[in-house]
């Protein structure tokens, strides 16, 4: 079984920075990609950033140039460094790991962490 534990959310002023962490445990050796979504109140869940096992990254236009996704050397923890935060970045952020097993792909989710950008 795979478990993901997120940390790092909180309250920050506009222009500030936060780093979110998502630590995975269990059978994660066939991870193909990791990423972050976010969901603001009353809005749909939006993809924020992806990093593949090969290190390729993708960012939503709204965060490009401000957010950075990366992993540790073991690729068991994925981070989201968020800089120049704006009030519109306020949301619950959730991480995921895509893991391939037996020819099938499984997605595991973290519990979500609240990020609030406000003065």
Protein backbone atom coordinates (compact mmCIF):
# COMPACT_ATOMS: atom_id res chain seq x y z
CA UNK A 1 0.00 0.00 0.00
CA UNK A 2 1.05 3.57 -0.62
CA UNK A 3 0.57 6.48 1.77
CA UNK A 4 1.19 10.14 1.06
CA UNK A 5 1.59 12.71 3.82
CA UNK A 6 1.54 16.41 3.00
CA UNK A 7 2.93 19.27 5.02
CA UNK A 8 3.88 22.91 4.67
CA UNK A 9 0.62 24.72 4.14
CA UNK A 10 -0.42 27.78 6.10
CA UNK A 11 -1.13 31.48 6.03
CA UNK A 12 1.20 33.79 4.13
CA UNK A 13 1.08 37.40 3.02
CA UNK A 14 0.89 38.32 -0.67
CA UNK A 15 4.34 38.19 -2.19
CA UNK A 16 5.49 35.60 0.31
CA UNK A 17 6.69 32.03 -0.14
CA UNK A 18 5.74 28.58 1.06
CA UNK A 19 7.10 25.14 0.38
CA UNK A 20 4.75 22.16 0.33
CA UNK A 21 6.04 18.64 0.87
CA UNK A 22 4.46 15.30 0.00
CA UNK A 23 6.23 12.28 1.46
CA UNK A 24 5.37 8.84 0.10
CA UNK A 25 5.83 5.48 1.77
CA UNK A 26 5.15 1.94 0.62
CA UNK A 27 5.62 0.41 -2.83
CA UNK A 28 6.56 3.45 -4.87
CA UNK A 29 9.40 2.04 -6.99
CA UNK A 30 7.28 2.18 -10.17
CA UNK A 31 6.28 5.81 -9.84
CA UNK A 32 5.82 7.35 -13.27
CA UNK A 33 4.85 10.87 -12.28
CA UNK A 34 4.02 13.08 -9.31
CA UNK A 35 2.13 16.30 -9.12
CA UNK A 36 -0.02 18.84 -7.36
CA UNK A 37 -3.59 19.95 -7.81
CA UNK A 38 -5.43 22.72 -6.02
CA UNK A 39 -9.05 23.54 -5.35
CA UNK A 40 -10.35 26.90 -4.24
CA UNK A 41 -13.76 27.24 -2.56
CA UNK A 42 -16.56 26.97 -5.11
CA UNK A 43 -14.17 26.18 -7.96
CA UNK A 44 -13.06 23.07 -9.80
CA UNK A 45 -9.87 21.23 -8.96
CA UNK A 46 -7.05 22.47 -11.17
CA UNK A 47 -3.73 20.93 -12.07
CA UNK A 48 -0.83 23.01 -10.78
CA UNK A 49 2.36 21.14 -11.65
CA UNK A 50 3.67 17.74 -12.71
CA UNK A 51 7.08 16.11 -12.59
CA UNK A 52 7.78 12.82 -14.33
CA UNK A 53 10.15 10.10 -13.20
CA UNK A 54 12.52 11.36 -15.88
CA UNK A 55 12.48 14.86 -14.45
CA UNK A 56 10.30 16.60 -17.03
CA UNK A 57 8.05 19.25 -15.57
CA UNK A 58 4.80 20.96 -16.49
CA UNK A 59 3.24 24.03 -14.92
CA UNK A 60 -0.15 25.65 -15.24
CA UNK A 61 0.11 29.06 -16.88
CA UNK A 62 -1.14 30.73 -13.71
CA UNK A 63 1.89 29.57 -11.70
CA UNK A 64 4.60 29.44 -14.34
CA UNK A 65 7.68 31.34 -13.24
CA UNK A 66 6.52 31.47 -9.61
CA UNK A 67 6.22 27.81 -8.57
CA UNK A 68 8.84 25.07 -8.79
CA UNK A 69 8.19 21.33 -8.51
CA UNK A 70 11.05 18.97 -7.63
CA UNK A 71 11.78 15.72 -5.80
CA UNK A 72 14.39 14.40 -3.42
CA UNK A 73 17.07 12.03 -4.74
CA UNK A 74 15.07 8.97 -3.76
CA UNK A 75 11.98 10.37 -5.54
CA UNK A 76 9.95 9.53 -2.47
CA UNK A 77 9.10 13.14 -1.64
CA UNK A 78 7.78 15.75 -4.03
CA UNK A 79 8.00 19.43 -3.21
CA UNK A 80 6.18 22.48 -4.47
CA UNK A 81 8.09 25.71 -3.87
CA UNK A 82 5.67 28.59 -4.19
CA UNK A 83 7.04 32.12 -4.53
CA UNK A 84 5.43 35.50 -5.16
CA UNK A 85 2.17 34.17 -3.81
CA UNK A 86 -1.06 35.90 -4.72
CA UNK A 87 -4.47 35.86 -3.02
CA UNK A 88 -5.78 33.84 -5.97
CA UNK A 89 -3.36 31.05 -5.02
CA UNK A 90 -5.49 30.41 -1.94
CA UNK A 91 -6.73 26.82 -2.12
CA UNK A 92 -6.42 23.33 -0.75
CA UNK A 93 -3.38 21.77 -2.39
CA UNK A 94 -3.27 18.00 -2.92
CA UNK A 95 -0.37 15.91 -4.13
CA UNK A 96 -0.48 12.67 -6.05
CA UNK A 97 1.79 9.85 -7.18
CA UNK A 98 1.07 7.82 -10.32
CA UNK A 99 2.33 4.28 -9.81
CA UNK A 100 2.35 1.52 -12.40
CA UNK A 101 1.71 -2.02 -11.29
CA UNK A 102 0.85 -5.10 -13.32
CA UNK A 103 0.33 -3.05 -16.46
CA UNK A 104 -2.13 -0.74 -14.74
CA UNK A 105 -1.71 2.80 -13.46
CA UNK A 106 -2.84 3.76 -9.98
CA UNK A 107 -3.08 7.28 -8.56
CA UNK A 108 -2.58 7.86 -4.86
CA UNK A 109 -3.49 11.11 -3.15
CA UNK A 110 -2.31 13.08 -0.19
CA UNK A 111 -4.75 14.39 2.40
CA UNK A 112 -4.62 17.98 1.17
CA UNK A 113 -3.16 21.05 2.83
CA UNK A 114 -4.64 24.53 3.06
CA UNK A 115 -2.73 27.48 1.63
CA UNK A 116 -4.13 30.91 2.41
CA UNK A 117 -2.62 34.04 0.91
CA UNK A 118 -3.93 37.11 2.67
CA UNK A 119 -2.77 40.31 4.30
